[in-house]
Amino acid sequence: MRSLVKHTVSRGIGQRPIPHRATVLCRRSSAGTCSRHDHPGAYCVASAAASPQIIGAGFDNHWQKDAHAVMRSISQCRLVVCQDAERYDDMASEFKQLTQYTREEGLNLQECNLLAAAYKSLVGAHRHSWRILQSLEERAQKEGNTLLMDLAQERRAVVRRDADAVCGEVLELLDTFLLAPASSAEAGVSLLKMKADFLRNLAEFRVGEERRHVADRSLAAYQAAQDKAAQELACAHHVRLGVALNTAVYYYDLMGQPEQACQVAQQAFDEALVHLPRLGGDALNDSARIMQLLRDNLTLWGPEMRGGGEGGAAAAGAQA
């Protein structure tokens, strides 16, 4: 076994080569080569059958970190594969494993985006079902069809239970593992926004005082994300714009305050427009995409602010 690269696969994620699933790390000798395989590189691999001593307590701190880096890269690859296959339940399960390797360094922005994609897709399916059942229940009530109304209410209770489980799972992940050790400013802001988003989703399945309580928690998280973004990210940064976009959706969609929603969206758009020419490449494209969503929402919400729109026409504002 002369070269690690020859026996590894890489998806372009992370900084280290990724071993095949059937391979494990060997200990490196003090001379920097593997005593078993005379491998000159920093790493060597051997089959699990030939080397039963897999990464364990015998490794020093340096090697434990290296082992975590390799396993983290493997986990990232699995997440990408699951996302391509639209296996969002599998992505959620994989993130529970990934947290074992990110407690010290925190998630990077790519991992944050994968986390958001997984749980947004899972919650999105429940939100869609909830709205259909809500519409069905309202129609049955108007028609006096008590049987259909009872069935819709019964199914909504199931949807709420399932949505609570998904939101609770991701919020626990965020609170337990992810918020404190964010690896960068943009990752930290993204995680705070994510927490606010899922609290907003959770509030959609609530009524009365319970809804208000969860909505207040969501707003507090949005405000924390806005404060952090204002301190650490430029006005035209796409993550900061995403916070403003979703905060505006919070005010419109959840709180029914179109004037406040438009104010947040317009301010973010105007501030970013001044700094947009300084960007280039992917950063410019990412920011321009969010700014277009802000403009689309302002176009949707504007007529209602002026009293000329229909209440349900723009209820689902675009979000990041």
Protein backbone atom coordinates (compact mmCIF):
# COMPACT_ATOMS: atom_id res chain seq x y z
CA MET A 1 0.00 0.00 0.00
CA ARG A 2 2.08 2.84 -1.34
CA SER A 3 -0.27 5.75 -1.50
CA LEU A 4 -3.20 6.76 0.63
CA VAL A 5 -4.74 8.77 -2.18
CA LYS A 6 -4.81 5.66 -4.37
CA HIS A 7 -7.01 3.90 -1.83
CA THR A 8 -9.33 6.76 -0.93
CA VAL A 9 -12.28 8.62 -2.38
CA SER A 10 -12.88 12.34 -2.25
CA ARG A 11 -15.97 14.46 -2.89
CA GLY A 12 -14.17 17.78 -2.58
CA ILE A 13 -15.40 18.27 0.96
CA GLY A 14 -13.08 19.10 3.80
CA GLN A 15 -9.31 19.18 3.83
CA ARG A 16 -8.42 15.51 4.23
CA PRO A 17 -8.70 12.42 2.02
CA ILE A 18 -11.56 10.10 2.88
CA PRO A 19 -10.92 6.37 3.38
CA HIS A 20 -13.20 3.72 1.99
CA ARG A 21 -15.74 2.39 4.47
CA ALA A 22 -13.79 -0.89 4.72
CA THR A 23 -10.60 0.84 5.89
CA VAL A 24 -9.50 2.20 9.24
CA LEU A 25 -6.63 4.31 10.51
CA CYS A 26 -3.41 2.74 11.74
CA ARG A 27 -1.25 4.37 14.38
CA ARG A 28 1.63 6.39 13.11
CA SER A 29 5.08 5.65 14.48
CA SER A 30 7.14 8.38 16.10
CA ALA A 31 9.19 8.63 12.89
CA GLY A 32 6.13 9.65 10.94
CA THR A 33 5.74 6.34 9.06
CA CYS A 34 3.58 3.31 9.69
CA SER A 35 5.72 0.56 11.22
CA ARG A 36 3.54 -2.16 9.67
CA HIS A 37 3.34 -0.88 6.12
CA ASP A 38 6.35 1.42 5.84
CA HIS A 39 4.08 4.14 4.54
CA PRO A 40 5.87 7.52 4.25
CA GLY A 41 2.74 9.67 4.55
CA ALA A 42 0.95 11.02 7.58
CA TYR A 43 -1.73 8.34 7.30
CA CYS A 44 -1.92 4.68 6.42
CA VAL A 45 -4.96 2.46 6.04
CA ALA A 46 -5.51 -1.23 6.61
CA SER A 47 -8.53 -3.49 6.32
CA ALA A 48 -10.69 -3.83 9.40
CA ALA A 49 -10.00 -7.58 9.41
CA ALA A 50 -6.24 -7.10 9.41
CA SER A 51 -6.32 -4.29 11.95
CA PRO A 52 -8.95 -4.82 14.64
CA GLN A 53 -7.58 -1.95 16.74
CA ILE A 54 -9.77 0.81 15.40
CA ILE A 55 -9.59 4.38 16.65
CA GLY A 56 -9.88 4.18 20.42
CA ALA A 57 -8.80 5.38 23.80
CA GLY A 58 -5.16 4.51 23.11
CA PHE A 59 -4.76 7.44 20.75
CA ASP A 60 -3.31 10.64 22.08
CA ASN A 61 -5.12 13.97 21.67
CA HIS A 62 -3.41 14.70 18.36
CA TRP A 63 -4.52 11.48 16.83
CA GLN A 64 -7.99 11.73 18.27
CA LYS A 65 -8.40 15.05 16.48
CA ASP A 66 -7.09 13.57 13.25
CA ALA A 67 -9.47 10.64 13.59
CA HIS A 68 -12.38 13.03 14.13
CA ALA A 69 -11.38 15.01 11.04
CA VAL A 70 -11.46 11.89 8.87
CA MET A 71 -14.77 10.67 10.29
CA ARG A 72 -16.21 14.14 9.88
CA SER A 73 -15.26 14.14 6.20
CA ILE A 74 -16.90 10.75 5.74
CA SER A 75 -20.04 12.05 7.44
CA GLN A 76 -20.07 15.10 5.16
CA CYS A 77 -19.95 12.82 2.11
CA ARG A 78 -22.85 10.77 3.42
CA LEU A 79 -24.87 13.93 3.93
CA VAL A 80 -24.27 15.06 0.35
CA VAL A 81 -25.25 11.65 -1.01
CA CYS A 82 -28.41 11.60 1.11
CA GLN A 83 -29.31 15.10 -0.01
CA ASP A 84 -28.88 14.18 -3.67
CA ALA A 85 -31.14 11.17 -3.09
CA GLU A 86 -33.62 13.31 -1.10
CA ARG A 87 -33.24 11.01 1.89
CA TYR A 88 -33.88 13.67 4.51
CA ASP A 89 -34.59 11.24 7.34
CA ASP A 90 -31.19 9.70 6.71
CA MET A 91 -29.60 13.15 6.75
CA ALA A 92 -31.16 13.85 10.13
CA SER A 93 -29.79 10.58 11.49
CA GLU A 94 -26.35 11.33 10.09
CA PHE A 95 -26.26 14.72 11.82
CA LYS A 96 -26.66 13.00 15.16
CA GLN A 97 -23.43 11.17 14.34
CA LEU A 98 -21.70 14.27 13.00
CA THR A 99 -22.15 16.12 16.28
CA GLN A 100 -19.68 13.69 17.85
CA TYR A 101 -16.93 15.18 15.69
CA THR A 102 -17.90 18.87 15.81
CA ARG A 103 -18.21 19.62 19.52
CA GLU A 104 -14.87 21.41 19.69
CA GLU A 105 -14.67 23.13 16.30
CA GLY A 106 -18.38 23.57 15.59
CA LEU A 107 -20.16 23.29 12.26
CA ASN A 108 -18.87 25.11 9.20
CA LEU A 109 -21.22 26.98 6.88
CA GLN A 110 -21.58 24.09 4.45
CA GLU A 111 -22.63 21.77 7.27
CA CYS A 112 -25.08 24.42 8.51
CA ASN A 113 -26.66 24.57 5.07
CA LEU A 114 -26.96 20.78 4.95
CA LEU A 115 -28.53 20.73 8.41
CA ALA A 116 -31.05 23.38 7.39
CA ALA A 117 -31.87 21.57 4.14
CA ALA A 118 -32.54 18.28 5.92
CA TYR A 119 -34.85 19.54 8.62
CA LYS A 120 -36.56 22.20 6.49
CA SER A 121 -37.59 19.46 4.07
CA LEU A 122 -38.90 17.28 6.90
CA VAL A 123 -40.82 20.12 8.56
CA GLY A 124 -41.97 21.46 5.20
CA ALA A 125 -43.89 18.29 4.47
CA HIS A 126 -45.75 18.59 7.78
CA ARG A 127 -46.46 22.30 7.22
CA HIS A 128 -47.93 21.49 3.80
CA SER A 129 -50.16 18.78 5.27
CA TRP A 130 -51.23 21.09 8.10
CA ARG A 131 -52.36 23.82 5.72
CA ILE A 132 -54.29 21.40 3.52
CA LEU A 133 -56.07 19.92 6.53
CA GLN A 134 -56.76 23.37 7.93
CA SER A 135 -58.38 24.40 4.65
CA LEU A 136 -60.35 21.16 4.55
CA GLU A 137 -61.58 21.69 8.10
CA GLU A 138 -62.70 25.24 7.34
CA ARG A 139 -64.57 24.09 4.25
CA ALA A 140 -66.27 21.28 6.19
CA GLN A 141 -67.30 23.75 8.88
CA LYS A 142 -68.91 26.04 6.30
CA GLU A 143 -70.75 23.12 4.74
CA GLY A 144 -71.86 21.75 8.11
CA ASN A 145 -70.10 18.44 7.46
CA THR A 146 -69.25 17.45 11.01
CA LEU A 147 -67.82 14.05 10.06
CA LEU A 148 -65.29 15.53 7.64
CA MET A 149 -64.45 18.26 10.13
CA ASP A 150 -63.77 15.71 12.89
CA LEU A 151 -61.59 13.63 10.58
CA ALA A 152 -59.56 16.68 9.55
CA GLN A 153 -59.07 17.69 13.18
CA GLU A 154 -57.99 14.16 14.06
CA ARG A 155 -55.40 14.11 11.28
CA ARG A 156 -54.16 17.59 12.19
CA ALA A 157 -53.40 16.33 15.68
CA VAL A 158 -51.20 13.61 14.17
CA VAL A 159 -49.43 16.12 11.91
CA ARG A 160 -48.81 18.41 14.86
CA ARG A 161 -47.32 15.57 16.88
CA ASP A 162 -44.96 14.61 14.05
CA ALA A 163 -43.96 18.23 13.39
CA ASP A 164 -43.28 18.77 17.10
CA ALA A 165 -40.95 15.77 17.08
CA VAL A 166 -38.94 17.07 14.11
CA CYS A 167 -38.70 20.64 15.40
CA GLY A 168 -37.85 19.46 18.89
CA GLU A 169 -35.09 17.24 17.54
CA VAL A 170 -33.34 19.97 15.56
CA LEU A 171 -33.77 22.55 18.33
CA GLU A 172 -32.19 20.14 20.79
CA LEU A 173 -29.27 19.64 18.42
CA LEU A 174 -28.84 23.39 18.07
CA ASP A 175 -29.02 24.10 21.79
CA THR A 176 -26.91 21.14 22.90
CA PHE A 177 -24.16 20.95 20.32
CA LEU A 178 -24.14 23.76 17.82
CA LEU A 179 -24.78 27.28 19.09
CA ALA A 180 -21.79 27.81 21.37
CA PRO A 181 -18.89 26.41 19.30
CA ALA A 182 -19.73 27.80 15.83
CA SER A 183 -16.61 27.66 13.68
CA SER A 184 -17.07 31.08 12.03
CA ALA A 185 -19.14 34.24 12.26
CA GLU A 186 -21.29 33.30 9.28
CA ALA A 187 -21.86 29.81 10.68
CA GLY A 188 -22.83 31.28 14.07
CA VAL A 189 -25.34 33.66 12.47
CA SER A 190 -26.70 30.87 10.29
CA LEU A 191 -27.29 28.63 13.31
CA LEU A 192 -29.10 31.38 15.22
CA LYS A 193 -31.29 32.02 12.19
CA MET A 194 -31.96 28.30 11.97
CA LYS A 195 -33.08 28.21 15.58
CA ALA A 196 -35.43 31.13 14.95
CA ASP A 197 -36.80 29.50 11.80
CA PHE A 198 -37.69 26.23 13.49
CA LEU A 199 -39.26 28.01 16.44
CA ARG A 200 -41.35 29.95 13.92
CA ASN A 201 -42.34 26.68 12.27
CA LEU A 202 -43.22 25.25 15.68
CA ALA A 203 -45.42 28.25 16.45
CA GLU A 204 -47.44 27.62 13.28
CA PHE A 205 -48.82 24.47 14.89
CA ARG A 206 -49.88 26.31 18.05
CA VAL A 207 -52.83 28.51 19.00
CA GLY A 208 -53.54 31.11 21.65
CA GLU A 209 -51.09 31.76 24.46
CA GLU A 210 -48.93 28.80 23.53
CA ARG A 211 -48.46 30.21 20.02
CA ARG A 212 -47.52 33.63 21.39
CA HIS A 213 -44.95 32.13 23.74
CA VAL A 214 -43.18 30.17 20.99
CA ALA A 215 -43.39 33.17 18.65
CA ASP A 216 -41.66 35.34 21.27
CA ARG A 217 -38.83 32.80 21.51
CA SER A 218 -38.51 32.84 17.73
CA LEU A 219 -38.32 36.64 17.64
CA ALA A 220 -35.64 36.64 20.34
CA ALA A 221 -33.54 34.24 18.24
CA TYR A 222 -34.01 36.39 15.12
CA GLN A 223 -32.93 39.46 17.06
CA ALA A 224 -29.85 37.63 18.36
CA ALA A 225 -29.00 36.61 14.79
CA GLN A 226 -29.49 40.18 13.57
CA ASP A 227 -27.27 41.59 16.32
CA LYS A 228 -24.50 39.10 15.62
CA ALA A 229 -24.76 39.68 11.87
CA ALA A 230 -24.60 43.46 12.32
CA GLN A 231 -21.41 43.12 14.36
CA GLU A 232 -19.59 40.51 12.29
CA LEU A 233 -20.95 40.44 8.72
CA ALA A 234 -21.14 43.05 5.96
CA CYS A 235 -24.52 44.48 4.98
CA ALA A 236 -24.47 42.67 1.65
CA HIS A 237 -23.38 39.28 3.04
CA HIS A 238 -25.89 36.65 1.95
CA VAL A 239 -26.19 35.14 5.45
CA ARG A 240 -27.04 38.53 6.95
CA LEU A 241 -29.55 39.16 4.16
CA GLY A 242 -31.06 35.73 4.84
CA VAL A 243 -31.66 36.69 8.47
CA ALA A 244 -33.47 39.87 7.39
CA LEU A 245 -35.52 37.96 4.82
CA ASN A 246 -36.74 35.35 7.31
CA THR A 247 -37.34 37.96 10.01
CA ALA A 248 -39.60 39.78 7.58
CA VAL A 249 -41.44 36.53 6.83
CA TYR A 250 -41.85 36.04 10.59
CA TYR A 251 -43.59 39.41 10.93
CA TYR A 252 -45.83 38.87 7.93
CA ASP A 253 -46.64 35.18 7.99
CA LEU A 254 -46.74 34.46 11.71
CA MET A 255 -47.59 37.78 13.34
CA GLY A 256 -49.75 39.31 10.61
CA GLN A 257 -47.79 42.60 10.62
CA PRO A 258 -47.16 43.51 6.94
CA GLU A 259 -45.92 47.00 7.74
CA GLN A 260 -43.18 45.72 10.05
CA ALA A 261 -42.32 42.99 7.56
CA CYS A 262 -41.87 45.48 4.73
CA GLN A 263 -39.81 47.78 6.93
CA VAL A 264 -37.33 45.01 7.79
CA ALA A 265 -37.12 43.80 4.19
CA GLN A 266 -36.76 47.29 2.69
CA GLN A 267 -34.05 48.35 5.13
CA ALA A 268 -31.99 45.24 4.46
CA PHE A 269 -32.40 45.66 0.71
CA ASP A 270 -31.40 49.33 0.70
CA GLU A 271 -28.34 48.78 2.91
CA ALA A 272 -27.12 45.84 0.82
CA LEU A 273 -27.65 47.68 -2.46
CA VAL A 274 -24.98 50.23 -1.52
CA HIS A 275 -22.36 47.55 -0.78
CA LEU A 276 -23.30 45.04 -3.49
CA PRO A 277 -20.79 46.38 -6.11
CA ARG A 278 -17.93 45.46 -3.76
CA LEU A 279 -18.75 41.76 -4.08
CA GLY A 280 -17.77 39.39 -6.83
CA GLY A 281 -18.09 35.78 -7.94
CA ASP A 282 -20.18 33.42 -5.83
CA ALA A 283 -20.59 35.98 -3.04
CA LEU A 284 -22.25 38.38 -5.48
CA ASN A 285 -24.53 35.68 -6.85
CA ASP A 286 -25.59 34.49 -3.39
CA SER A 287 -26.37 38.02 -2.19
CA ALA A 288 -28.18 38.94 -5.41
CA ARG A 289 -30.40 35.87 -5.05
CA ILE A 290 -31.47 36.84 -1.52
CA MET A 291 -32.02 40.45 -2.57
CA GLN A 292 -34.31 39.26 -5.35
CA LEU A 293 -36.35 37.31 -2.78
CA LEU A 294 -36.57 40.44 -0.62
CA ARG A 295 -37.83 42.41 -3.61
CA ASP A 296 -40.34 39.69 -4.52
CA ASN A 297 -41.76 39.75 -1.00
CA LEU A 298 -41.99 43.53 -1.00
CA THR A 299 -43.92 43.33 -4.25
CA LEU A 300 -46.29 40.75 -2.74
CA TRP A 301 -46.80 42.54 0.54
CA GLY A 302 -46.97 46.11 -0.74
CA PRO A 303 -50.61 46.04 -1.92
CA GLU A 304 -51.80 44.76 1.44
CA MET A 305 -49.97 47.57 3.23
CA ARG A 306 -51.86 50.02 1.03
CA GLY A 307 -55.12 48.20 1.76
CA GLY A 308 -55.61 46.89 -1.76
CA GLY A 309 -54.51 43.26 -1.46
CA GLU A 310 -56.21 40.07 -0.43
CA GLY A 311 -55.19 38.72 2.95
CA GLY A 312 -54.29 35.21 1.79
CA ALA A 313 -52.64 36.11 -1.49
CA ALA A 314 -49.17 36.68 -0.12
CA ALA A 315 -49.27 34.63 3.05
CA ALA A 316 -46.33 32.42 2.05
CA GLY A 317 -43.47 34.85 1.56
CA ALA A 318 -40.24 33.59 0.03
CA GLN A 319 -37.59 32.76 2.62
CA ALA A 320 -33.96 31.68 2.83
